[in-house]
C-alpha atoms as a PDB file:
ATOM      1  CA  UNK A   1      41.542-132.319-104.293  1.00  0.00           C
ATOM      2  CA  UNK A   2      41.868-135.905-103.096  1.00  0.00           C
ATOM      3  CA  UNK A   3      44.912-134.917-101.053  1.00  0.00           C
ATOM      4  CA  UNK A   4      42.923-132.148 -99.351  1.00  0.00           C
ATOM      5  CA  UNK A   5      40.062-134.550 -98.524  1.00  0.00           C
ATOM      6  CA  UNK A   6      42.543-137.093 -97.109  1.00  0.00           C
ATOM      7  CA  UNK A   7      44.081-134.419 -94.903  1.00  0.00           C
ATOM      8  CA  UNK A   8      40.682-133.320 -93.603  1.00  0.00           C
ATOM      9  CA  UNK A   9      39.737-136.886 -92.784  1.00  0.00           C
ATOM     10  CA  UNK A  10      42.952-137.544 -90.863  1.00  0.00           C
ATOM     11  CA  UNK A  11      43.273-134.208 -89.036  1.00  0.00           C
ATOM     12  CA  UNK A  12      43.990-135.025 -85.403  1.00  0.00           C
ATOM     13  CA  UNK A  13      41.804-133.683 -82.604  1.00  0.00           C
ATOM     14  CA  UNK A  14      44.109-134.356 -79.668  1.00  0.00           C
ATOM     15  CA  UNK A  15      47.800-134.603 -78.816  1.00  0.00           C
ATOM     16  CA  UNK A  16      49.748-136.859 -76.492  1.00  0.00           C
ATOM     17  CA  UNK A  17      52.315-135.098 -74.310  1.00  0.00           C
ATOM     18  CA  UNK A  18      55.222-137.518 -73.892  1.00  0.00           C
ATOM     19  CA  UNK A  19      56.529-135.516 -70.947  1.00  0.00           C
ATOM     20  CA  UNK A  20      59.737-136.882 -69.416  1.00  0.00           C
ATOM     21  CA  UNK A  21      59.467-140.248 -71.151  1.00  0.00           C
ATOM     22  CA  UNK A  22      58.491-143.643 -69.786  1.00  0.00           C
ATOM     23  CA  UNK A  23      59.100-143.086 -66.066  1.00  0.00           C
ATOM     24  CA  UNK A  24      56.105-144.891 -64.601  1.00  0.00           C
ATOM     25  CA  UNK A  25      58.038-145.993 -61.520  1.00  0.00           C
ATOM     26  CA  UNK A  26      58.876-142.328 -60.779  1.00  0.00           C
ATOM     27  CA  UNK A  27      55.465-140.796 -61.499  1.00  0.00           C
ATOM     28  CA  UNK A  28      54.421-140.699 -57.830  1.00  0.00           C
ATOM     29  CA  UNK A  29      57.717-139.077 -56.824  1.00  0.00           C
ATOM     30  CA  UNK A  30      57.510-136.580 -59.685  1.00  0.00           C
ATOM     31  CA  UNK A  31      53.902-135.783 -58.795  1.00  0.00           C
ATOM     32  CA  UNK A  32      54.833-135.029 -55.180  1.00  0.00           C
ATOM     33  CA  UNK A  33      57.893-133.003 -56.253  1.00  0.00           C
ATOM     34  CA  UNK A  34      55.983-130.821 -58.704  1.00  0.00           C
ATOM     35  CA  UNK A  35      53.048-130.491 -56.317  1.00  0.00           C
ATOM     36  CA  UNK A  36      55.376-129.093 -53.635  1.00  0.00           C
ATOM     37  CA  UNK A  37      57.000-126.781 -56.206  1.00  0.00           C
ATOM     38  CA  UNK A  38      53.602-125.526 -57.410  1.00  0.00           C
ATOM     39  CA  UNK A  39      52.329-124.965 -53.853  1.00  0.00           C
ATOM     40  CA  UNK A  40      55.474-123.094 -52.756  1.00  0.00           C
ATOM     41  CA  UNK A  41      55.524-121.059 -55.987  1.00  0.00           C
ATOM     42  CA  UNK A  42      51.910-119.962 -55.588  1.00  0.00           C
ATOM     43  CA  UNK A  43      52.315-119.188 -51.873  1.00  0.00           C
ATOM     44  CA  UNK A  44      55.562-117.243 -52.370  1.00  0.00           C
ATOM     45  CA  UNK A  45      54.328-115.129 -55.253  1.00  0.00           C
ATOM     46  CA  UNK A  46      50.943-114.453 -53.645  1.00  0.00           C
ATOM     47  CA  UNK A  47      52.819-113.329 -50.521  1.00  0.00           C
ATOM     48  CA  UNK A  48      54.970-110.916 -52.574  1.00  0.00           C
ATOM     49  CA  UNK A  49      51.851-109.450 -54.229  1.00  0.00           C
ATOM     50  CA  UNK A  50      50.118-109.074 -50.854  1.00  0.00           C
ATOM     51  CA  UNK A  51      53.154-107.321 -49.332  1.00  0.00           C
ATOM     52  CA  UNK A  52      53.485-104.913 -52.267  1.00  0.00           C
ATOM     53  CA  UNK A  53      49.778-104.040 -52.115  1.00  0.00           C
ATOM     54  CA  UNK A  54      49.453-103.636 -48.342  1.00  0.00           C
ATOM     55  CA  UNK A  55      52.797-102.114 -47.265  1.00  0.00           C
ATOM     56  CA  UNK A  56      53.093 -98.374 -47.969  1.00  0.00           C
ATOM     57  CA  UNK A  57      56.898 -98.546 -47.981  1.00  0.00           C
ATOM     58  CA  UNK A  58      56.741-100.837 -51.025  1.00  0.00           C
ATOM     59  CA  UNK A  59      54.624 -98.449 -53.108  1.00  0.00           C
ATOM     60  CA  UNK A  60      57.535 -97.555 -55.395  1.00  0.00           C
ATOM     61  CA  UNK A  61      58.207 -98.299 -59.089  1.00  0.00           C
ATOM     62  CA  UNK A  62      60.637-101.127 -58.282  1.00  0.00           C
ATOM     63  CA  UNK A  63      58.101-102.985 -56.147  1.00  0.00           C
ATOM     64  CA  UNK A  64      55.281-102.129 -58.537  1.00  0.00           C
ATOM     65  CA  UNK A  65      57.171-104.085 -61.206  1.00  0.00           C
ATOM     66  CA  UNK A  66      58.079-106.808 -58.700  1.00  0.00           C
ATOM     67  CA  UNK A  67      54.409-107.267 -57.794  1.00  0.00           C
ATOM     68  CA  UNK A  68      53.536-107.560 -61.465  1.00  0.00           C
ATOM     69  CA  UNK A  69      56.339-110.084 -61.951  1.00  0.00           C
ATOM     70  CA  UNK A  70      54.865-112.195 -59.147  1.00  0.00           C
ATOM     71  CA  UNK A  71      51.388-111.969 -60.725  1.00  0.00           C
ATOM     72  CA  UNK A  72      52.947-113.064 -63.998  1.00  0.00           C
ATOM     73  CA  UNK A  73      54.697-116.021 -62.340  1.00  0.00           C
ATOM     74  CA  UNK A  74      51.406-117.146 -60.770  1.00  0.00           C
ATOM     75  CA  UNK A  75      49.732-117.197 -64.201  1.00  0.00           C
ATOM     76  CA  UNK A  76      52.831-118.650 -65.881  1.00  0.00           C
ATOM     77  CA  UNK A  77      53.091-121.591 -63.482  1.00  0.00           C
ATOM     78  CA  UNK A  78      49.339-122.221 -63.592  1.00  0.00           C
ATOM     79  CA  UNK A  79      49.502-122.497 -67.381  1.00  0.00           C
ATOM     80  CA  UNK A  80      51.765-125.557 -67.234  1.00  0.00           C
ATOM     81  CA  UNK A  81      51.957-127.293 -63.852  1.00  0.00           C
ATOM     82  CA  UNK A  82      48.276-128.201 -63.176  1.00  0.00           C
ATOM     83  CA  UNK A  83      48.088-130.101 -66.475  1.00  0.00           C
ATOM     84  CA  UNK A  84      51.402-131.814 -65.736  1.00  0.00           C
ATOM     85  CA  UNK A  85      50.254-132.785 -62.230  1.00  0.00           C
ATOM     86  CA  UNK A  86      47.016-134.203 -63.635  1.00  0.00           C
ATOM     87  CA  UNK A  87      48.941-136.377 -66.101  1.00  0.00           C
ATOM     88  CA  UNK A  88      51.123-137.770 -63.279  1.00  0.00           C
ATOM     89  CA  UNK A  89      48.076-138.472 -61.131  1.00  0.00           C
ATOM     90  CA  UNK A  90      45.816-140.066 -63.753  1.00  0.00           C
ATOM     91  CA  UNK A  91      48.340-141.336 -66.294  1.00  0.00           C
ATOM     92  CA  UNK A  92      46.341-139.567 -69.026  1.00  0.00           C
ATOM     93  CA  UNK A  93      48.781-137.654 -71.226  1.00  0.00           C
ATOM     94  CA  UNK A  94      46.273-136.596 -73.874  1.00  0.00           C
ATOM     95  CA  UNK A  95      45.316-132.969 -74.418  1.00  0.00           C
ATOM     96  CA  UNK A  96      42.727-131.725 -76.891  1.00  0.00           C
ATOM     97  CA  UNK A  97      43.771-129.646 -79.893  1.00  0.00           C
ATOM     98  CA  UNK A  98      41.946-126.592 -78.524  1.00  0.00           C
ATOM     99  CA  UNK A  99      43.460-127.180 -75.079  1.00  0.00           C
ATOM    100  CA  UNK A 100      46.941-127.367 -76.585  1.00  0.00           C
ATOM    101  CA  UNK A 101      46.442-124.190 -78.614  1.00  0.00           C
ATOM    102  CA  UNK A 102      45.144-122.409 -75.499  1.00  0.00           C
ATOM    103  CA  UNK A 103      48.174-123.516 -73.459  1.00  0.00           C
ATOM    104  CA  UNK A 104      50.484-122.380 -76.267  1.00  0.00           C
ATOM    105  CA  UNK A 105      48.788-118.959 -76.338  1.00  0.00           C
ATOM    106  CA  UNK A 106      49.231-118.348 -72.617  1.00  0.00           C
ATOM    107  CA  UNK A 107      52.773-119.738 -72.643  1.00  0.00           C
ATOM    108  CA  UNK A 108      53.921-117.372 -75.413  1.00  0.00           C
ATOM    109  CA  UNK A 109      51.992-114.522 -73.782  1.00  0.00           C
ATOM    110  CA  UNK A 110      53.685-115.059 -70.404  1.00  0.00           C
ATOM    111  CA  UNK A 111      57.217-115.613 -71.780  1.00  0.00           C
ATOM    112  CA  UNK A 112      57.064-112.468 -73.944  1.00  0.00           C
ATOM    113  CA  UNK A 113      55.627-110.423 -71.078  1.00  0.00           C
ATOM    114  CA  UNK A 114      58.378-111.628 -68.737  1.00  0.00           C
ATOM    115  CA  UNK A 115      61.089-110.611 -71.222  1.00  0.00           C
ATOM    116  CA  UNK A 116      59.597-107.115 -71.457  1.00  0.00           C
ATOM    117  CA  UNK A 117      58.989-106.883 -67.710  1.00  0.00           C
ATOM    118  CA  UNK A 118      62.603-107.805 -66.929  1.00  0.00           C
ATOM    119  CA  UNK A 119      63.620-105.045 -69.332  1.00  0.00           C
ATOM    120  CA  UNK A 120      61.419-102.533 -67.483  1.00  0.00           C
ATOM    121  CA  UNK A 121      62.873-103.639 -64.145  1.00  0.00           C
ATOM    122  CA  UNK A 122      66.424-103.182 -65.453  1.00  0.00           C
ATOM    123  CA  UNK A 123      65.499 -99.739 -66.832  1.00  0.00           C
ATOM    124  CA  UNK A 124      64.032 -98.801 -63.447  1.00  0.00           C
ATOM    125  CA  UNK A 125      67.275 -99.785 -61.676  1.00  0.00           C
ATOM    126  CA  UNK A 126      69.312 -97.962 -64.350  1.00  0.00           C
ATOM    127  CA  UNK A 127      67.446 -94.704 -63.712  1.00  0.00           C
ATOM    128  CA  UNK A 128      67.577 -95.126 -59.924  1.00  0.00           C
ATOM    129  CA  UNK A 129      71.355 -95.693 -59.858  1.00  0.00           C
ATOM    130  CA  UNK A 130      72.668 -93.878 -62.938  1.00  0.00           C
ATOM    131  CA  UNK A 131      70.240 -90.947 -63.043  1.00  0.00           C
ATOM    132  CA  UNK A 132      68.846 -90.558 -59.500  1.00  0.00           C
ATOM    133  CA  UNK A 133      68.062 -86.811 -59.742  1.00  0.00           C
ATOM    134  CA  UNK A 134      65.519 -87.366 -62.523  1.00  0.00           C
ATOM    135  CA  UNK A 135      64.273 -90.747 -61.302  1.00  0.00           C
ATOM    136  CA  UNK A 136      61.049 -89.505 -59.663  1.00  0.00           C
ATOM    137  CA  UNK A 137      60.020 -87.565 -62.773  1.00  0.00           C
ATOM    138  CA  UNK A 138      60.948 -90.260 -65.282  1.00  0.00           C
ATOM    139  CA  UNK A 139      59.361 -93.126 -63.316  1.00  0.00           C
ATOM    140  CA  UNK A 140      56.148 -91.564 -62.065  1.00  0.00           C
ATOM    141  CA  UNK A 141      53.126 -93.745 -61.299  1.00  0.00           C
ATOM    142  CA  UNK A 142      51.516 -92.775 -64.591  1.00  0.00           C
ATOM    143  CA  UNK A 143      54.632 -93.658 -66.587  1.00  0.00           C
ATOM    144  CA  UNK A 144      54.944 -97.024 -64.811  1.00  0.00           C
ATOM    145  CA  UNK A 145      51.346 -97.930 -65.616  1.00  0.00           C
ATOM    146  CA  UNK A 146      51.720 -96.845 -69.253  1.00  0.00           C
ATOM    147  CA  UNK A 147      54.929 -98.752 -70.004  1.00  0.00           C
ATOM    148  CA  UNK A 148      53.698-101.840 -68.154  1.00  0.00           C
ATOM    149  CA  UNK A 149      50.382-101.781 -70.050  1.00  0.00           C
ATOM    150  CA  UNK A 150      52.334-101.417 -73.291  1.00  0.00           C
ATOM    151  CA  UNK A 151      54.359-104.526 -72.424  1.00  0.00           C
ATOM    152  CA  UNK A 152      51.250-106.625 -71.799  1.00  0.00           C
ATOM    153  CA  UNK A 153      49.653-105.349 -75.025  1.00  0.00           C
ATOM    154  CA  UNK A 154      52.759-106.143 -77.117  1.00  0.00           C
ATOM    155  CA  UNK A 155      52.971-109.635 -75.595  1.00  0.00           C
ATOM    156  CA  UNK A 156      49.251-110.218 -76.242  1.00  0.00           C
ATOM    157  CA  UNK A 157      49.675-109.184 -79.885  1.00  0.00           C
ATOM    158  CA  UNK A 158      52.674-111.504 -80.423  1.00  0.00           C
ATOM    159  CA  UNK A 159      50.946-114.440 -78.777  1.00  0.00           C
ATOM    160  CA  UNK A 160      47.724-113.877 -80.721  1.00  0.00           C
ATOM    161  CA  UNK A 161      49.543-113.765 -84.072  1.00  0.00           C
ATOM    162  CA  UNK A 162      51.597-116.925 -83.465  1.00  0.00           C
ATOM    163  CA  UNK A 163      48.708-118.881 -81.933  1.00  0.00           C
ATOM    164  CA  UNK A 164      46.315-117.899 -84.726  1.00  0.00           C
ATOM    165  CA  UNK A 165      48.816-119.077 -87.337  1.00  0.00           C
ATOM    166  CA  UNK A 166      49.489-122.313 -85.425  1.00  0.00           C
ATOM    167  CA  UNK A 167      45.746-123.024 -85.168  1.00  0.00           C
ATOM    168  CA  UNK A 168      45.498-122.628 -88.947  1.00  0.00           C
ATOM    169  CA  UNK A 169      48.030-125.383 -89.641  1.00  0.00           C
ATOM    170  CA  UNK A 170      46.987-128.932 -90.493  1.00  0.00           C
ATOM    171  CA  UNK A 171      48.062-131.749 -88.161  1.00  0.00           C
ATOM    172  CA  UNK A 172      47.596-135.165 -89.744  1.00  0.00           C
ATOM    173  CA  UNK A 173      49.700-137.252 -87.381  1.00  0.00           C
ATOM    174  CA  UNK A 174      51.668-138.399 -85.573  1.00  0.00           C
ATOM    175  CA  UNK A 175      50.150-136.646 -82.582  1.00  0.00           C
ATOM    176  CA  UNK A 176      52.873-137.192 -79.969  1.00  0.00           C
ATOM    177  CA  UNK A 177      54.467-133.992 -78.666  1.00  0.00           C
ATOM    178  CA  UNK A 178      57.935-134.709 -77.292  1.00  0.00           C
ATOM    179  CA  UNK A 179      57.583-132.291 -74.365  1.00  0.00           C
ATOM    180  CA  UNK A 180      55.714-131.862 -71.074  1.00  0.00           C
ATOM    181  CA  UNK A 181      53.645-128.945 -72.399  1.00  0.00           C
ATOM    182  CA  UNK A 182      52.515-127.535 -75.747  1.00  0.00           C
ATOM    183  CA  UNK A 183      55.605-125.606 -76.829  1.00  0.00           C
ATOM    184  CA  UNK A 184      56.022-123.903 -80.203  1.00  0.00           C
ATOM    185  CA  UNK A 185      58.816-125.971 -81.780  1.00  0.00           C
ATOM    186  CA  UNK A 186      57.599-129.480 -80.778  1.00  0.00           C
ATOM    187  CA  UNK A 187      54.110-128.637 -82.082  1.00  0.00           C
ATOM    188  CA  UNK A 188      55.452-127.234 -85.327  1.00  0.00           C
ATOM    189  CA  UNK A 189      57.354-130.464 -86.019  1.00  0.00           C
ATOM    190  CA  UNK A 190      54.036-132.375 -86.114  1.00  0.00           C
ATOM    191  CA  UNK A 191      52.366-130.198 -88.747  1.00  0.00           C
ATOM    192  CA  UNK A 192      51.967-131.528 -92.266  1.00  0.00           C
ATOM    193  CA  UNK A 193      51.375-128.004 -93.625  1.00  0.00           C
ATOM    194  CA  UNK A 194      53.953-125.590 -94.986  1.00  0.00           C
ATOM    195  CA  UNK A 195      55.395-123.978 -91.849  1.00  0.00           C
ATOM    196  CA  UNK A 196      57.782-121.535 -93.547  1.00  0.00           C
ATOM    197  CA  UNK A 197      55.502-118.511 -92.977  1.00  0.00           C
ATOM    198  CA  UNK A 198      54.909-119.080 -89.266  1.00  0.00           C
ATOM    199  CA  UNK A 199      58.631-119.753 -88.773  1.00  0.00           C
ATOM    200  CA  UNK A 200      59.433-116.480 -90.545  1.00  0.00           C
ATOM    201  CA  UNK A 201      56.922-114.539 -88.431  1.00  0.00           C
ATOM    202  CA  UNK A 202      58.286-116.144 -85.263  1.00  0.00           C
ATOM    203  CA  UNK A 203      61.828-115.163 -86.284  1.00  0.00           C
ATOM    204  CA  UNK A 204      60.783-111.575 -87.044  1.00  0.00           C
ATOM    205  CA  UNK A 205      58.979-111.196 -83.708  1.00  0.00           C
ATOM    206  CA  UNK A 206      61.931-112.697 -81.852  1.00  0.00           C
ATOM    207  CA  UNK A 207      64.372-110.278 -83.486  1.00  0.00           C
ATOM    208  CA  UNK A 208      61.965-107.362 -83.013  1.00  0.00           C
ATOM    209  CA  UNK A 209      61.057-107.990 -79.354  1.00  0.00           C
ATOM    210  CA  UNK A 210      62.937-110.747 -77.510  1.00  0.00           C
ATOM    211  CA  UNK A 211      66.469-110.007 -78.763  1.00  0.00           C
ATOM    212  CA  UNK A 212      66.256-106.211 -78.205  1.00  0.00           C
ATOM    213  CA  UNK A 213      64.809-106.832 -74.733  1.00  0.00           C
ATOM    214  CA  UNK A 214      67.779-109.047 -73.847  1.00  0.00           C
ATOM    215  CA  UNK A 215      70.361-106.643 -75.301  1.00  0.00           C
ATOM    216  CA  UNK A 216      68.850-103.551 -73.647  1.00  0.00           C
ATOM    217  CA  UNK A 217      68.616-105.415 -70.336  1.00  0.00           C
ATOM    218  CA  UNK A 218      72.305-106.345 -70.576  1.00  0.00           C
ATOM    219  CA  UNK A 219      73.277-102.777 -71.536  1.00  0.00           C
ATOM    220  CA  UNK A 220      71.317-101.428 -68.558  1.00  0.00           C
ATOM    221  CA  UNK A 221      73.166-103.678 -66.125  1.00  0.00           C
ATOM    222  CA  UNK A 222      76.549-102.917 -67.698  1.00  0.00           C
ATOM    223  CA  UNK A 223      75.861 -99.206 -67.126  1.00  0.00           C
ATOM    224  CA  UNK A 224      74.651 -99.935 -63.592  1.00  0.00           C
ATOM    225  CA  UNK A 225      77.763-101.947 -62.710  1.00  0.00           C
ATOM    226  CA  UNK A 226      80.036 -99.269 -64.230  1.00  0.00           C
ATOM    227  CA  UNK A 227      78.287 -96.595 -62.135  1.00  0.00           C
ATOM    228  CA  UNK A 228      78.482 -98.694 -58.963  1.00  0.00           C
ATOM    229  CA  UNK A 229      82.220 -99.238 -59.421  1.00  0.00           C
ATOM    230  CA  UNK A 230      82.708 -95.451 -59.524  1.00  0.00           C
ATOM    231  CA  UNK A 231      81.054 -94.964 -56.107  1.00  0.00           C
ATOM    232  CA  UNK A 232      83.913 -94.029 -53.715  1.00  0.00           C
ATOM    233  CA  UNK A 233      82.702 -95.710 -50.498  1.00  0.00           C
ATOM    234  CA  UNK A 234      82.387 -99.460 -49.981  1.00  0.00           C
ATOM    235  CA  UNK A 235      79.113 -98.971 -48.110  1.00  0.00           C
ATOM    236  CA  UNK A 236      77.648 -97.018 -51.015  1.00  0.00           C
ATOM    237  CA  UNK A 237      78.750 -99.642 -53.503  1.00  0.00           C
ATOM    238  CA  UNK A 238      77.252-102.478 -51.445  1.00  0.00           C
ATOM    239  CA  UNK A 239      73.953-100.647 -50.999  1.00  0.00           C
ATOM    240  CA  UNK A 240      73.664 -99.837 -54.704  1.00  0.00           C
ATOM    241  CA  UNK A 241      74.614-103.347 -55.814  1.00  0.00           C
ATOM    242  CA  UNK A 242      72.150-104.959 -53.380  1.00  0.00           C
ATOM    243  CA  UNK A 243      69.257-103.194 -55.124  1.00  0.00           C
ATOM    244  CA  UNK A 244      69.988-104.845 -58.480  1.00  0.00           C
ATOM    245  CA  UNK A 245      71.839-108.082 -57.635  1.00  0.00           C
ATOM    246  CA  UNK A 246      68.567-109.985 -57.177  1.00  0.00           C
ATOM    247  CA  UNK A 247      67.407-108.749 -60.596  1.00  0.00           C
ATOM    248  CA  UNK A 248      70.652-109.962 -62.160  1.00  0.00           C
ATOM    249  CA  UNK A 249      70.152-113.462 -60.746  1.00  0.00           C
ATOM    250  CA  UNK A 250      66.609-113.657 -62.139  1.00  0.00           C
ATOM    251  CA  UNK A 251      67.668-112.322 -65.561  1.00  0.00           C
ATOM    252  CA  UNK A 252      70.622-114.726 -65.762  1.00  0.00           C
ATOM    253  CA  UNK A 253      68.473-117.745 -64.834  1.00  0.00           C
ATOM    254  CA  UNK A 254      65.623-116.881 -67.215  1.00  0.00           C
ATOM    255  CA  UNK A 255      67.606-115.857 -70.283  1.00  0.00           C
ATOM    256  CA  UNK A 256      70.343-118.430 -69.667  1.00  0.00           C
ATOM    257  CA  UNK A 257      67.776-121.245 -69.842  1.00  0.00           C
ATOM    258  CA  UNK A 258      66.112-119.766 -72.944  1.00  0.00           C
ATOM    259  CA  UNK A 259      69.415-119.395 -74.791  1.00  0.00           C
ATOM    260  CA  UNK A 260      70.490-122.965 -74.001  1.00  0.00           C
ATOM    261  CA  UNK A 261      67.108-124.322 -75.141  1.00  0.00           C
ATOM    262  CA  UNK A 262      67.059-122.520 -78.466  1.00  0.00           C
ATOM    263  CA  UNK A 263      70.688-123.114 -79.488  1.00  0.00           C
ATOM    264  CA  UNK A 264      70.904-126.829 -78.679  1.00  0.00           C
ATOM    265  CA  UNK A 265      69.851-129.514 -81.209  1.00  0.00           C
ATOM    266  CA  UNK A 266      66.229-130.594 -81.088  1.00  0.00           C
ATOM    267  CA  UNK A 267      66.581-134.370 -80.996  1.00  0.00           C
ATOM    268  CA  UNK A 268      68.223-137.218 -79.142  1.00  0.00           C
ATOM    269  CA  UNK A 269      70.002-136.607 -75.854  1.00  0.00           C
ATOM    270  CA  UNK A 270      70.132-132.877 -76.593  1.00  0.00           C
ATOM    271  CA  UNK A 271      66.344-132.941 -76.948  1.00  0.00           C
ATOM    272  CA  UNK A 272      66.080-134.388 -73.431  1.00  0.00           C
ATOM    273  CA  UNK A 273      68.459-131.685 -72.243  1.00  0.00           C
ATOM    274  CA  UNK A 274      66.098-129.068 -73.674  1.00  0.00           C
ATOM    275  CA  UNK A 275      63.318-130.466 -71.509  1.00  0.00           C
ATOM    276  CA  UNK A 276      65.500-130.199 -68.423  1.00  0.00           C
ATOM    277  CA  UNK A 277      66.300-126.555 -69.120  1.00  0.00           C
ATOM    278  CA  UNK A 278      62.635-125.917 -69.945  1.00  0.00           C
ATOM    279  CA  UNK A 279      61.943-126.884 -66.336  1.00  0.00           C
ATOM    280  CA  UNK A 280      64.333-124.104 -65.262  1.00  0.00           C
ATOM    281  CA  UNK A 281      62.448-121.228 -66.870  1.00  0.00           C
ATOM    282  CA  UNK A 282      58.910-122.638 -66.653  1.00  0.00           C
ATOM    283  CA  UNK A 283      59.001-124.163 -63.163  1.00  0.00           C
ATOM    284  CA  UNK A 284      62.113-123.246 -61.161  1.00  0.00           C
ATOM    285  CA  UNK A 285      62.352-119.544 -62.075  1.00  0.00           C
ATOM    286  CA  UNK A 286      58.828-118.774 -60.763  1.00  0.00           C
ATOM    287  CA  UNK A 287      59.741-120.786 -57.648  1.00  0.00           C
ATOM    288  CA  UNK A 288      63.001-119.009 -56.815  1.00  0.00           C
ATOM    289  CA  UNK A 289      61.935-115.446 -57.704  1.00  0.00           C
ATOM    290  CA  UNK A 290      60.091-114.822 -54.398  1.00  0.00           C
ATOM    291  CA  UNK A 291      62.954-116.434 -52.457  1.00  0.00           C
ATOM    292  CA  UNK A 292      65.572-114.292 -54.209  1.00  0.00           C
ATOM    293  CA  UNK A 293      63.674-111.053 -53.713  1.00  0.00           C
ATOM    294  CA  UNK A 294      62.682-111.750 -50.110  1.00  0.00           C
ATOM    295  CA  UNK A 295      66.034-113.096 -48.891  1.00  0.00           C
ATOM    296  CA  UNK A 296      68.200-110.488 -50.643  1.00  0.00           C
ATOM    297  CA  UNK A 297      65.988-107.426 -50.176  1.00  0.00           C
ATOM    298  CA  UNK A 298      65.938-105.460 -46.926  1.00  0.00           C
ATOM    299  CA  UNK A 299      62.612-103.693 -47.566  1.00  0.00           C
ATOM    300  CA  UNK A 300      60.794-106.931 -48.400  1.00  0.00           C
ATOM    301  CA  UNK A 301      62.213-108.637 -45.304  1.00  0.00           C
ATOM    302  CA  UNK A 302      61.082-105.728 -43.113  1.00  0.00           C
ATOM    303  CA  UNK A 303      57.605-105.793 -44.683  1.00  0.00           C
ATOM    304  CA  UNK A 304      57.482-109.550 -44.102  1.00  0.00           C
ATOM    305  CA  UNK A 305      58.420-109.096 -40.429  1.00  0.00           C
ATOM    306  CA  UNK A 306      55.722-106.438 -40.005  1.00  0.00           C
ATOM    307  CA  UNK A 307      53.112-108.660 -41.648  1.00  0.00           C
ATOM    308  CA  UNK A 308      54.208-111.585 -39.435  1.00  0.00           C
ATOM    309  CA  UNK A 309      53.908-109.414 -36.326  1.00  0.00           C
ATOM    310  CA  UNK A 310      50.399-108.286 -37.265  1.00  0.00           C
ATOM    311  CA  UNK A 311      49.379-111.881 -37.952  1.00  0.00           C
ATOM    312  CA  UNK A 312      50.785-112.991 -34.574  1.00  0.00           C
ATOM    313  CA  UNK A 313      48.807-110.228 -32.825  1.00  0.00           C
ATOM    314  CA  UNK A 314      45.609-111.343 -34.540  1.00  0.00           C
ATOM    315  CA  UNK A 315      46.200-114.948 -33.505  1.00  0.00           C
ATOM    316  CA  UNK A 316      46.771-113.949 -29.858  1.00  0.00           C
ATOM    317  CA  UNK A 317      43.471-112.093 -29.810  1.00  0.00           C
END
């Protein structure tokens, strides 16, 4: 009983995000760097969404998923970067317990949704290239909306379960999170409660959702590549590969960073390395996605030219 009372009295109400360590002399440079990244990320993804919505030629399943990916990246980036920018600007690295739990919820929600969305995008390309005769029937507008809604619902469920369990843990100190945002593992290390149950649930959800998503995505692209290699003409092969090469780059960057983060040790120099790779999938991936899709995609480039022409006409008037 006394132990319980002591825990209640010392339960912490805020955390300190250690970020990238004691780099006070670089805070201004880091602030400007991440501010530019955030601005470009928001502008690029908003542009992709606007093009997909306004251009009739982009009203296809592939671009429907691409528009949703851009919406996801906007929310994903906004979950982490504004708080990081504020800490660079003010020097205040504290975040309330409720604020940290909220950030964790949206982070898990967005990561899980992105895994499922990348799976849907790979499945879309698989049907388009490996089963083109049935593509229109299998990927109708209704089907796209249903499977996308299912992905968001599954991600919401996973995030709610993990966040609810995390909020129920006791944190008696220390309150320093060795990361630049409220991530699952660094938070769990600070709890003075028994964390075996939440770790088990996290493992089960990972094996039930994240791992199958990765494996099915890889299988889809293996089938796609095998089909492309059987196309007799070079022109046909190049055209088919161009429709999925941008997806492959995004998948490799996102999952590559996640795998490196969760297989490396959690302390010392390796812990710092985890932070660096966390920047890849939380900051750089949302930044490069619009660039990859716009620079490597003929339809997006044509839509961008049309939109630029219309804007130029409006300015002249």
